[in-house]
C-alpha atoms as a PDB file:
ATOM      1  CA  MET A   1      -0.079  -0.209  -0.041  1.00  0.00           C
ATOM      2  CA  ALA A   2       1.912   3.195  -1.213  1.00  0.00           C
ATOM      3  CA  PHE A   3       1.617   6.166   1.287  1.00  0.00           C
ATOM      4  CA  GLY A   4       2.011   8.756  -1.556  1.00  0.00           C
ATOM      5  CA  TRP A   5       3.302  12.357  -1.523  1.00  0.00           C
ATOM      6  CA  GLY A   6      -0.267  13.802  -1.161  1.00  0.00           C
ATOM      7  CA  LYS A   7      -0.876  11.844   1.853  1.00  0.00           C
ATOM      8  CA  LEU A   8       2.303  12.938   3.498  1.00  0.00           C
ATOM      9  CA  GLY A   9       1.723  16.509   2.495  1.00  0.00           C
ATOM     10  CA  LEU A  10      -1.812  16.466   3.884  1.00  0.00           C
ATOM     11  CA  PHE A  11      -0.260  14.985   7.162  1.00  0.00           C
ATOM     12  CA  ALA A  12       2.431  17.692   7.275  1.00  0.00           C
ATOM     13  CA  GLY A  13       0.094  20.414   6.613  1.00  0.00           C
ATOM     14  CA  GLY A  14      -2.058  19.414   9.568  1.00  0.00           C
ATOM     15  CA  VAL A  15       0.927  18.828  11.892  1.00  0.00           C
ATOM     16  CA  LEU A  16       1.828  22.462  11.029  1.00  0.00           C
ATOM     17  CA  PHE A  17      -1.498  23.839  11.377  1.00  0.00           C
ATOM     18  CA  GLY A  18      -1.733  22.086  14.813  1.00  0.00           C
ATOM     19  CA  THR A  19       1.380  23.770  16.019  1.00  0.00           C
ATOM     20  CA  ALA A  20       0.415  26.951  14.931  1.00  0.00           C
ATOM     21  CA  GLY A  21      -2.987  26.594  16.421  1.00  0.00           C
ATOM     22  CA  ILE A  22      -1.496  25.801  19.755  1.00  0.00           C
ATOM     23  CA  LYS A  23       0.679  28.886  19.670  1.00  0.00           C
ATOM     24  CA  ILE A  24      -2.174  30.981  18.949  1.00  0.00           C
ATOM     25  CA  LEU A  25      -4.352  29.435  21.723  1.00  0.00           C
ATOM     26  CA  SER A  26      -1.829  29.700  24.380  1.00  0.00           C
ATOM     27  CA  SER A  27      -0.698  33.285  23.277  1.00  0.00           C
ATOM     28  CA  LYS A  28      -1.204  36.555  25.512  1.00  0.00           C
ATOM     29  CA  ASP A  29      -4.066  37.756  23.645  1.00  0.00           C
ATOM     30  CA  ALA A  30      -5.901  34.506  23.409  1.00  0.00           C
ATOM     31  CA  LYS A  31      -5.439  34.213  27.380  1.00  0.00           C
ATOM     32  CA  LYS A  32      -7.117  37.749  27.251  1.00  0.00           C
ATOM     33  CA  VAL A  33     -10.058  36.520  25.567  1.00  0.00           C
ATOM     34  CA  TYR A  34     -10.484  33.588  27.932  1.00  0.00           C
ATOM     35  CA  THR A  35     -10.174  35.722  30.869  1.00  0.00           C
ATOM     36  CA  HIS A  36     -12.940  38.068  29.500  1.00  0.00           C
ATOM     37  CA  SER A  37     -15.103  35.210  28.458  1.00  0.00           C
ATOM     38  CA  THR A  38     -14.839  33.628  31.887  1.00  0.00           C
ATOM     39  CA  ALA A  39     -15.711  36.937  33.730  1.00  0.00           C
ATOM     40  CA  ALA A  40     -18.560  37.397  31.154  1.00  0.00           C
ATOM     41  CA  ALA A  41     -19.709  33.665  32.084  1.00  0.00           C
ATOM     42  CA  LEU A  42     -19.255  34.297  35.776  1.00  0.00           C
ATOM     43  CA  ARG A  43     -21.480  37.512  35.614  1.00  0.00           C
ATOM     44  CA  ALA A  44     -24.327  35.504  33.881  1.00  0.00           C
ATOM     45  CA  LYS A  45     -24.102  32.809  36.235  1.00  0.00           C
ATOM     46  CA  GLU A  46     -24.506  35.579  38.953  1.00  0.00           C
ATOM     47  CA  CYS A  47     -27.637  37.215  37.304  1.00  0.00           C
ATOM     48  CA  VAL A  48     -29.429  33.355  36.833  1.00  0.00           C
ATOM     49  CA  MET A  49     -28.744  32.762  40.602  1.00  0.00           C
ATOM     50  CA  THR A  50     -30.158  36.021  41.536  1.00  0.00           C
ATOM     51  CA  THR A  51     -33.152  35.147  39.754  1.00  0.00           C
ATOM     52  CA  ALA A  52     -33.786  31.898  40.892  1.00  0.00           C
ATOM     53  CA  THR A  53     -33.509  33.500  44.465  1.00  0.00           C
ATOM     54  CA  LYS A  54     -36.341  35.393  43.565  1.00  0.00           C
ATOM     55  CA  ILE A  55     -38.335  33.087  41.964  1.00  0.00           C
ATOM     56  CA  ARG A  56     -37.854  30.801  44.756  1.00  0.00           C
ATOM     57  CA  GLU A  57     -38.490  33.296  47.218  1.00  0.00           C
ATOM     58  CA  ASN A  58     -41.841  34.163  45.338  1.00  0.00           C
ATOM     59  CA  ALA A  59     -42.786  30.566  45.235  1.00  0.00           C
ATOM     60  CA  ASP A  60     -42.592  30.251  49.233  1.00  0.00           C
ATOM     61  CA  ASP A  61     -44.441  33.319  49.736  1.00  0.00           C
ATOM     62  CA  ILE A  62     -47.450  32.192  47.284  1.00  0.00           C
ATOM     63  CA  LEU A  63     -47.443  28.854  49.044  1.00  0.00           C
ATOM     64  CA  ALA A  64     -47.496  30.183  52.415  1.00  0.00           C
ATOM     65  CA  ASP A  65     -50.522  32.649  51.525  1.00  0.00           C
ATOM     66  CA  ALA A  66     -52.085  29.617  49.828  1.00  0.00           C
ATOM     67  CA  LYS A  67     -51.949  27.524  52.850  1.00  0.00           C
ATOM     68  CA  GLN A  68     -53.396  30.392  54.973  1.00  0.00           C
ATOM     69  CA  ILE A  69     -56.266  30.963  52.503  1.00  0.00           C
ATOM     70  CA  ASN A  70     -57.145  27.281  52.783  1.00  0.00           C
ATOM     71  CA  GLU A  71     -56.556  27.325  56.787  1.00  0.00           C
ATOM     72  CA  LYS A  72     -59.046  29.982  56.831  1.00  0.00           C
ATOM     73  CA  ARG A  73     -61.624  28.239  54.585  1.00  0.00           C
ATOM     74  CA  ALA A  74     -61.453  25.391  56.877  1.00  0.00           C
ATOM     75  CA  ALA A  75     -61.936  27.075  59.792  1.00  0.00           C
ATOM     76  CA  GLU A  76     -65.109  29.118  58.258  1.00  0.00           C
ATOM     77  CA  SER A  77     -66.268  25.677  57.026  1.00  0.00           C
ATOM     78  CA  GLU A  78     -66.040  24.311  60.625  1.00  0.00           C
ATOM     79  CA  ILE A  79     -68.060  27.446  61.941  1.00  0.00           C
ATOM     80  CA  VAL A  80     -70.835  26.759  59.353  1.00  0.00           C
ATOM     81  CA  GLU A  81     -70.932  22.871  60.249  1.00  0.00           C
ATOM     82  CA  ASP A  82     -71.124  23.642  64.025  1.00  0.00           C
ATOM     83  CA  ALA A  83     -73.710  26.269  63.376  1.00  0.00           C
ATOM     84  CA  GLY A  84     -75.901  23.760  61.225  1.00  0.00           C
ATOM     85  CA  ASN A  85     -75.923  21.303  64.153  1.00  0.00           C
END
């Protein structure tokens, strides 16, 4: 099975491109981009967590109010039943 010059050239080009890619990805400018991207992701996470906390607090308030409504209705129902006897 012949390897051929075309395949060898393609392989060499891939190695060269890969080596250049590693140098580009580890450059000072790339590090700055990674840092800013990570900072943006952390800000987005904080925003999502703040929103989730607000939603959870509102849900807790709604649940507490609903329980109070049901307790009041149950108490009123007992009074009506007692009055009917």
